[in-house]
Amino acid sequence: MGNFVRITSFVFVADVDEAVRFFVDVLGFEAWVHRWDYAYVQRECVGVRILKASTSPGEEQGPGTPAFRYYIDVEDVAAVIAELRPKLAEHWAGRRVHGPVDQVYDQRQFLIEAPDGDLVVFGQAICEMPVEEPKL
């Protein structure tokens, strides 16, 4: 096994508690750290570091502009959808949910709007990915 464990994204949100509830209650992550200004949530090998956005002049975070902020590669999108649909109906009614959709770039994707307005995308490769050693 190699030395690299995972890559985690840093996301800045207006409400850390709301973001943690979304990741834990809806997406099934576990909160390892949860303070008022910072949280670390993880599910399997996917981690997200959630930070309180600055309110200092010039550093404010605007509402999400549906950016693709979170892209989570999975083996089976249908299994993710089957797991999440009941939670989305219960906790996330009225938020944008889309898919699954097969994209021209050989990914099957399922999108969910996060509390910050950005998109969480679960993507499954729908083609054979070549496995090659990197050339240096």
N, C-alpha and C. Protein backbone atom coordinates (compact mmCIF):
# COMPACT_ATOMS: atom_id res chain seq x y z
N MET A 1 0.85 -1.18 0.00
CA MET A 1 0.00 0.00 0.00
C MET A 1 0.89 1.23 0.00
N GLY A 2 0.44 2.26 -0.70
CA GLY A 2 1.21 3.49 -0.81
C GLY A 2 1.10 4.38 0.41
N ASN A 3 1.71 5.51 0.34
CA ASN A 3 1.77 6.47 1.43
C ASN A 3 0.58 7.44 1.42
N PHE A 4 0.01 7.71 0.26
CA PHE A 4 -1.08 8.67 0.18
C PHE A 4 -2.37 8.03 0.69
N VAL A 5 -3.13 8.78 1.48
CA VAL A 5 -4.33 8.27 2.11
C VAL A 5 -5.59 8.76 1.40
N ARG A 6 -5.71 10.09 1.23
CA ARG A 6 -6.90 10.68 0.61
C ARG A 6 -6.60 12.12 0.26
N ILE A 7 -7.47 12.70 -0.52
CA ILE A 7 -7.41 14.15 -0.74
C ILE A 7 -8.69 14.71 -0.15
N THR A 8 -8.58 15.78 0.59
CA THR A 8 -9.77 16.39 1.19
C THR A 8 -9.92 17.81 0.66
N SER A 9 -11.15 18.18 0.44
CA SER A 9 -11.40 19.55 0.00
C SER A 9 -11.63 20.43 1.21
N PHE A 10 -11.28 21.71 1.07
CA PHE A 10 -11.58 22.73 2.06
C PHE A 10 -12.74 23.54 1.51
N VAL A 11 -13.83 23.63 2.25
CA VAL A 11 -14.96 24.42 1.81
C VAL A 11 -15.31 25.45 2.88
N PHE A 12 -15.61 26.63 2.45
CA PHE A 12 -15.95 27.73 3.35
C PHE A 12 -17.45 27.96 3.26
N VAL A 13 -18.12 27.89 4.41
CA VAL A 13 -19.58 28.01 4.44
C VAL A 13 -19.99 29.04 5.48
N ALA A 14 -21.20 29.56 5.33
CA ALA A 14 -21.72 30.53 6.29
C ALA A 14 -22.11 29.84 7.60
N ASP A 15 -22.59 28.59 7.52
CA ASP A 15 -23.09 27.89 8.71
C ASP A 15 -22.47 26.49 8.77
N VAL A 16 -21.47 26.34 9.61
CA VAL A 16 -20.77 25.05 9.74
C VAL A 16 -21.73 23.98 10.24
N ASP A 17 -22.58 24.30 11.22
CA ASP A 17 -23.51 23.30 11.77
C ASP A 17 -24.44 22.76 10.69
N GLU A 18 -24.97 23.64 9.85
CA GLU A 18 -25.87 23.21 8.77
C GLU A 18 -25.14 22.30 7.79
N ALA A 19 -23.91 22.66 7.45
CA ALA A 19 -23.13 21.83 6.52
C ALA A 19 -22.86 20.46 7.13
N VAL A 20 -22.52 20.41 8.41
CA VAL A 20 -22.26 19.12 9.07
C VAL A 20 -23.52 18.28 9.10
N ARG A 21 -24.66 18.90 9.44
CA ARG A 21 -25.92 18.13 9.44
C ARG A 21 -26.19 17.52 8.07
N PHE A 22 -25.96 18.28 7.01
CA PHE A 22 -26.17 17.78 5.65
C PHE A 22 -25.27 16.58 5.38
N PHE A 23 -23.98 16.72 5.66
CA PHE A 23 -23.05 15.62 5.38
C PHE A 23 -23.32 14.40 6.25
N VAL A 24 -23.70 14.59 7.50
CA VAL A 24 -23.94 13.47 8.41
C VAL A 24 -25.34 12.87 8.20
N ASP A 25 -26.39 13.70 8.31
CA ASP A 25 -27.76 13.20 8.28
C ASP A 25 -28.21 12.77 6.89
N VAL A 26 -27.76 13.46 5.87
CA VAL A 26 -28.22 13.16 4.51
C VAL A 26 -27.25 12.26 3.76
N LEU A 27 -25.95 12.61 3.77
CA LEU A 27 -24.98 11.88 2.96
C LEU A 27 -24.29 10.73 3.69
N GLY A 28 -24.53 10.58 4.99
CA GLY A 28 -24.00 9.42 5.71
C GLY A 28 -22.55 9.51 6.13
N PHE A 29 -22.00 10.72 6.18
CA PHE A 29 -20.63 10.91 6.65
C PHE A 29 -20.61 10.85 8.17
N GLU A 30 -19.43 10.74 8.74
CA GLU A 30 -19.25 10.80 10.19
C GLU A 30 -18.44 12.05 10.50
N ALA A 31 -18.87 12.80 11.52
CA ALA A 31 -18.13 14.00 11.93
C ALA A 31 -17.06 13.59 12.93
N TRP A 32 -15.81 13.77 12.55
CA TRP A 32 -14.69 13.45 13.43
C TRP A 32 -14.34 14.65 14.30
N VAL A 33 -14.48 15.85 13.74
CA VAL A 33 -14.26 17.10 14.47
C VAL A 33 -15.42 18.00 14.12
N HIS A 34 -16.00 18.68 15.14
CA HIS A 34 -17.11 19.59 14.86
C HIS A 34 -17.09 20.70 15.90
N ARG A 35 -16.57 21.84 15.47
CA ARG A 35 -16.57 23.04 16.30
C ARG A 35 -17.41 24.09 15.59
N TRP A 36 -17.57 25.25 16.20
CA TRP A 36 -18.39 26.29 15.58
C TRP A 36 -17.77 26.82 14.29
N ASP A 37 -16.44 26.73 14.17
CA ASP A 37 -15.76 27.34 13.02
C ASP A 37 -15.06 26.34 12.10
N TYR A 38 -15.09 25.06 12.46
CA TYR A 38 -14.37 24.05 11.67
C TYR A 38 -14.96 22.68 11.94
N ALA A 39 -15.02 21.88 10.88
CA ALA A 39 -15.44 20.48 11.04
C ALA A 39 -14.69 19.64 10.02
N TYR A 40 -14.49 18.40 10.40
CA TYR A 40 -13.92 17.42 9.46
C TYR A 40 -14.89 16.27 9.43
N VAL A 41 -15.42 15.96 8.24
CA VAL A 41 -16.33 14.84 8.07
C VAL A 41 -15.70 13.86 7.10
N GLN A 42 -16.01 12.58 7.31
CA GLN A 42 -15.41 11.55 6.46
C GLN A 42 -16.38 10.39 6.28
N ARG A 43 -16.32 9.83 5.10
CA ARG A 43 -17.04 8.59 4.79
C ARG A 43 -16.10 7.76 3.92
N GLU A 44 -15.78 6.57 4.41
CA GLU A 44 -14.80 5.71 3.76
C GLU A 44 -13.52 6.52 3.53
N CYS A 45 -13.08 6.67 2.29
CA CYS A 45 -11.82 7.40 2.06
C CYS A 45 -12.06 8.83 1.59
N VAL A 46 -13.28 9.35 1.73
CA VAL A 46 -13.60 10.70 1.29
C VAL A 46 -13.73 11.61 2.51
N GLY A 47 -12.92 12.66 2.55
CA GLY A 47 -12.97 13.61 3.65
C GLY A 47 -13.25 15.02 3.15
N VAL A 48 -13.95 15.80 3.96
CA VAL A 48 -14.23 17.20 3.64
C VAL A 48 -13.93 18.03 4.89
N ARG A 49 -13.17 19.09 4.71
CA ARG A 49 -12.86 20.03 5.79
C ARG A 49 -13.75 21.26 5.59
N ILE A 50 -14.61 21.51 6.57
CA ILE A 50 -15.61 22.57 6.48
C ILE A 50 -15.18 23.70 7.41
N LEU A 51 -15.02 24.89 6.85
CA LEU A 51 -14.57 26.04 7.63
C LEU A 51 -15.59 27.16 7.58
N LYS A 52 -15.71 27.89 8.68
CA LYS A 52 -16.58 29.06 8.74
C LYS A 52 -16.01 30.14 7.83
N ALA A 53 -16.84 30.62 6.93
CA ALA A 53 -16.41 31.66 6.00
C ALA A 53 -16.18 32.97 6.74
N SER A 54 -15.23 33.74 6.28
CA SER A 54 -14.91 35.03 6.88
C SER A 54 -16.03 36.03 6.61
N THR A 55 -16.25 36.91 7.56
CA THR A 55 -17.20 38.00 7.36
C THR A 55 -16.47 39.33 7.30
N SER A 56 -15.15 39.29 7.24
CA SER A 56 -14.36 40.51 7.13
C SER A 56 -14.57 41.14 5.76
N PRO A 57 -14.58 42.47 5.70
CA PRO A 57 -14.78 43.14 4.40
C PRO A 57 -13.80 42.62 3.34
N GLY A 58 -14.36 42.26 2.19
CA GLY A 58 -13.55 41.76 1.09
C GLY A 58 -13.28 40.27 1.14
N GLU A 59 -13.62 39.61 2.25
CA GLU A 59 -13.37 38.17 2.38
C GLU A 59 -14.66 37.36 2.50
N GLU A 60 -15.80 38.02 2.40
CA GLU A 60 -17.06 37.32 2.56
C GLU A 60 -17.24 36.29 1.44
N GLN A 61 -17.87 35.19 1.80
CA GLN A 61 -18.22 34.17 0.81
C GLN A 61 -19.66 34.42 0.39
N GLY A 62 -19.88 34.61 -0.89
CA GLY A 62 -21.23 34.80 -1.38
C GLY A 62 -21.97 33.48 -1.41
N PRO A 63 -23.25 33.53 -1.68
CA PRO A 63 -24.00 32.27 -1.79
C PRO A 63 -23.45 31.45 -2.94
N GLY A 64 -23.65 30.16 -2.84
CA GLY A 64 -23.16 29.26 -3.88
C GLY A 64 -23.65 29.65 -5.25
N THR A 65 -22.87 29.42 -6.24
CA THR A 65 -23.22 29.76 -7.61
C THR A 65 -23.31 28.49 -8.42
N PRO A 66 -23.93 27.49 -7.87
CA PRO A 66 -23.86 26.11 -8.24
C PRO A 66 -22.53 25.68 -8.85
N ALA A 67 -21.46 25.89 -8.12
CA ALA A 67 -20.16 25.41 -8.56
C ALA A 67 -20.05 23.93 -8.21
N PHE A 68 -19.26 23.22 -8.99
CA PHE A 68 -18.99 21.82 -8.68
C PHE A 68 -17.89 21.80 -7.63
N ARG A 69 -18.28 21.93 -6.39
CA ARG A 69 -17.33 22.03 -5.29
C ARG A 69 -16.91 20.65 -4.78
N TYR A 70 -17.81 19.69 -4.82
CA TYR A 70 -17.54 18.36 -4.27
C TYR A 70 -17.78 17.34 -5.38
N TYR A 71 -16.79 16.57 -5.73
CA TYR A 71 -16.97 15.49 -6.71
C TYR A 71 -16.46 14.22 -6.05
N ILE A 72 -17.36 13.27 -5.83
CA ILE A 72 -17.02 12.04 -5.13
C ILE A 72 -17.15 10.88 -6.11
N ASP A 73 -16.03 10.26 -6.42
CA ASP A 73 -16.04 9.10 -7.31
C ASP A 73 -16.52 7.88 -6.53
N VAL A 74 -17.46 7.15 -7.12
CA VAL A 74 -18.01 5.94 -6.48
C VAL A 74 -18.01 4.80 -7.49
N GLU A 75 -18.13 3.60 -6.97
CA GLU A 75 -18.21 2.41 -7.83
C GLU A 75 -19.60 2.24 -8.42
N ASP A 76 -20.66 2.61 -7.66
CA ASP A 76 -22.03 2.32 -8.07
C ASP A 76 -22.95 3.48 -7.71
N VAL A 77 -23.24 4.34 -8.66
CA VAL A 77 -24.11 5.49 -8.43
C VAL A 77 -25.51 5.04 -8.03
N ALA A 78 -26.01 3.98 -8.65
CA ALA A 78 -27.36 3.50 -8.32
C ALA A 78 -27.48 3.15 -6.84
N ALA A 79 -26.45 2.55 -6.27
CA ALA A 79 -26.47 2.21 -4.85
C ALA A 79 -26.49 3.48 -3.98
N VAL A 80 -25.74 4.50 -4.39
CA VAL A 80 -25.74 5.77 -3.66
C VAL A 80 -27.13 6.39 -3.71
N ILE A 81 -27.75 6.40 -4.89
CA ILE A 81 -29.08 6.97 -5.04
C ILE A 81 -30.09 6.22 -4.18
N ALA A 82 -30.04 4.90 -4.20
CA ALA A 82 -30.96 4.10 -3.40
C ALA A 82 -30.81 4.40 -1.91
N GLU A 83 -29.59 4.61 -1.47
CA GLU A 83 -29.35 4.94 -0.07
C GLU A 83 -29.82 6.34 0.28
N LEU A 84 -29.56 7.32 -0.60
CA LEU A 84 -29.80 8.72 -0.26
C LEU A 84 -31.21 9.21 -0.51
N ARG A 85 -31.94 8.63 -1.46
CA ARG A 85 -33.27 9.15 -1.82
C ARG A 85 -34.19 9.31 -0.60
N PRO A 86 -34.32 8.30 0.28
CA PRO A 86 -35.21 8.50 1.44
C PRO A 86 -34.74 9.64 2.35
N LYS A 87 -33.44 9.77 2.55
CA LYS A 87 -32.91 10.84 3.39
C LYS A 87 -33.14 12.19 2.74
N LEU A 88 -32.99 12.25 1.43
CA LEU A 88 -33.21 13.51 0.72
C LEU A 88 -34.67 13.93 0.82
N ALA A 89 -35.58 12.97 0.70
CA ALA A 89 -37.01 13.28 0.79
C ALA A 89 -37.36 13.77 2.19
N GLU A 90 -36.73 13.18 3.21
CA GLU A 90 -37.04 13.53 4.60
C GLU A 90 -36.38 14.84 5.04
N HIS A 91 -35.11 15.01 4.73
CA HIS A 91 -34.34 16.14 5.26
C HIS A 91 -34.08 17.25 4.25
N TRP A 92 -34.25 16.98 2.98
CA TRP A 92 -33.72 17.90 1.98
C TRP A 92 -34.75 18.27 0.93
N ALA A 93 -36.03 18.20 1.28
CA ALA A 93 -37.09 18.53 0.33
C ALA A 93 -36.93 19.98 -0.13
N GLY A 94 -37.15 20.21 -1.40
CA GLY A 94 -37.06 21.55 -1.95
C GLY A 94 -35.69 21.93 -2.47
N ARG A 95 -34.67 21.11 -2.20
CA ARG A 95 -33.33 21.40 -2.71
C ARG A 95 -33.17 20.69 -4.05
N ARG A 96 -32.25 21.18 -4.85
CA ARG A 96 -32.03 20.61 -6.17
C ARG A 96 -31.34 19.25 -6.08
N VAL A 97 -31.96 18.26 -6.74
CA VAL A 97 -31.40 16.92 -6.88
C VAL A 97 -31.59 16.56 -8.35
N HIS A 98 -30.55 16.02 -8.98
CA HIS A 98 -30.62 15.76 -10.41
C HIS A 98 -29.86 14.48 -10.75
N GLY A 99 -30.47 13.68 -11.61
CA GLY A 99 -29.77 12.51 -12.12
C GLY A 99 -30.40 11.22 -11.66
N PRO A 100 -29.76 10.15 -12.05
CA PRO A 100 -28.45 10.06 -12.68
C PRO A 100 -28.49 10.42 -14.17
N VAL A 101 -27.38 10.95 -14.63
CA VAL A 101 -27.24 11.34 -16.03
C VAL A 101 -25.90 10.82 -16.53
N ASP A 102 -25.93 10.20 -17.71
CA ASP A 102 -24.69 9.75 -18.35
C ASP A 102 -24.12 10.91 -19.15
N GLN A 103 -22.90 11.28 -18.83
CA GLN A 103 -22.25 12.41 -19.48
C GLN A 103 -21.41 11.93 -20.67
N VAL A 104 -21.13 12.84 -21.60
CA VAL A 104 -20.34 12.49 -22.78
C VAL A 104 -18.90 12.12 -22.41
N TYR A 105 -18.46 12.52 -21.22
CA TYR A 105 -17.10 12.20 -20.78
C TYR A 105 -17.07 10.91 -19.94
N ASP A 106 -18.03 10.02 -20.21
CA ASP A 106 -18.06 8.66 -19.65
C ASP A 106 -18.17 8.62 -18.13
N GLN A 107 -18.97 9.50 -17.57
CA GLN A 107 -19.28 9.46 -16.14
C GLN A 107 -20.79 9.46 -15.99
N ARG A 108 -21.30 8.62 -15.10
CA ARG A 108 -22.71 8.66 -14.70
C ARG A 108 -22.75 9.47 -13.41
N GLN A 109 -23.55 10.55 -13.39
CA GLN A 109 -23.51 11.49 -12.28
C GLN A 109 -24.86 11.71 -11.63
N PHE A 110 -24.80 11.90 -10.32
CA PHE A 110 -25.96 12.22 -9.49
C PHE A 110 -25.58 13.47 -8.71
N LEU A 111 -26.38 14.54 -8.81
CA LEU A 111 -26.05 15.83 -8.20
C LEU A 111 -27.04 16.18 -7.10
N ILE A 112 -26.50 16.76 -6.02
CA ILE A 112 -27.31 17.24 -4.91
C ILE A 112 -26.83 18.64 -4.55
N GLU A 113 -27.76 19.55 -4.32
CA GLU A 113 -27.39 20.89 -3.89
C GLU A 113 -27.06 20.87 -2.40
N ALA A 114 -25.87 21.34 -2.05
CA ALA A 114 -25.43 21.41 -0.65
C ALA A 114 -26.02 22.66 0.01
N PRO A 115 -25.93 22.76 1.34
CA PRO A 115 -26.48 23.93 2.02
C PRO A 115 -25.91 25.26 1.54
N ASP A 116 -24.67 25.27 1.08
CA ASP A 116 -24.05 26.51 0.61
C ASP A 116 -24.45 26.85 -0.83
N GLY A 117 -25.28 26.01 -1.46
CA GLY A 117 -25.73 26.25 -2.82
C GLY A 117 -24.87 25.60 -3.87
N ASP A 118 -23.69 25.11 -3.47
CA ASP A 118 -22.83 24.42 -4.42
C ASP A 118 -23.32 22.98 -4.60
N LEU A 119 -22.71 22.27 -5.52
CA LEU A 119 -23.19 20.94 -5.87
C LEU A 119 -22.27 19.85 -5.36
N VAL A 120 -22.89 18.81 -4.80
CA VAL A 120 -22.19 17.58 -4.46
C VAL A 120 -22.51 16.61 -5.60
N VAL A 121 -21.47 16.10 -6.23
CA VAL A 121 -21.67 15.20 -7.37
C VAL A 121 -21.07 13.85 -7.02
N PHE A 122 -21.86 12.80 -7.22
CA PHE A 122 -21.37 11.44 -7.12
C PHE A 122 -21.21 10.95 -8.55
N GLY A 123 -20.01 10.52 -8.91
CA GLY A 123 -19.74 10.12 -10.29
C GLY A 123 -19.20 8.70 -10.37
N GLN A 124 -19.69 7.97 -11.35
CA GLN A 124 -19.24 6.60 -11.61
C GLN A 124 -18.71 6.53 -13.03
N ALA A 125 -17.53 5.97 -13.19
CA ALA A 125 -16.98 5.77 -14.54
C ALA A 125 -17.84 4.73 -15.26
N ILE A 126 -18.20 5.04 -16.50
CA ILE A 126 -18.99 4.09 -17.28
C ILE A 126 -18.22 3.61 -18.51
N CYS A 127 -16.92 3.66 -18.40
CA CYS A 127 -16.05 3.11 -19.43
C CYS A 127 -14.89 2.44 -18.73
N GLU A 128 -14.16 1.67 -19.45
CA GLU A 128 -12.96 1.05 -18.89
C GLU A 128 -11.87 2.10 -18.79
N MET A 129 -11.38 2.30 -17.59
CA MET A 129 -10.31 3.27 -17.38
C MET A 129 -8.97 2.54 -17.55
N PRO A 130 -8.10 3.07 -18.40
CA PRO A 130 -6.80 2.41 -18.57
C PRO A 130 -5.96 2.54 -17.29
N VAL A 131 -5.24 1.51 -17.00
CA VAL A 131 -4.36 1.53 -15.84
C VAL A 131 -2.93 1.51 -16.36
N GLU A 132 -2.24 2.61 -16.17
CA GLU A 132 -0.87 2.73 -16.65
C GLU A 132 0.00 3.27 -15.54
N GLU A 133 1.25 2.90 -15.58
CA GLU A 133 2.21 3.49 -14.67
C GLU A 133 2.53 4.89 -15.18
N PRO A 134 2.64 5.87 -14.29
CA PRO A 134 2.97 7.21 -14.75
C PRO A 134 4.35 7.27 -15.34
N LYS A 135 4.49 8.09 -16.37
CA LYS A 135 5.79 8.28 -17.02
C LYS A 135 6.40 9.54 -16.46
N LEU A 136 7.61 9.44 -16.00
CA LEU A 136 8.28 10.62 -15.41
C LEU A 136 9.31 11.17 -16.37
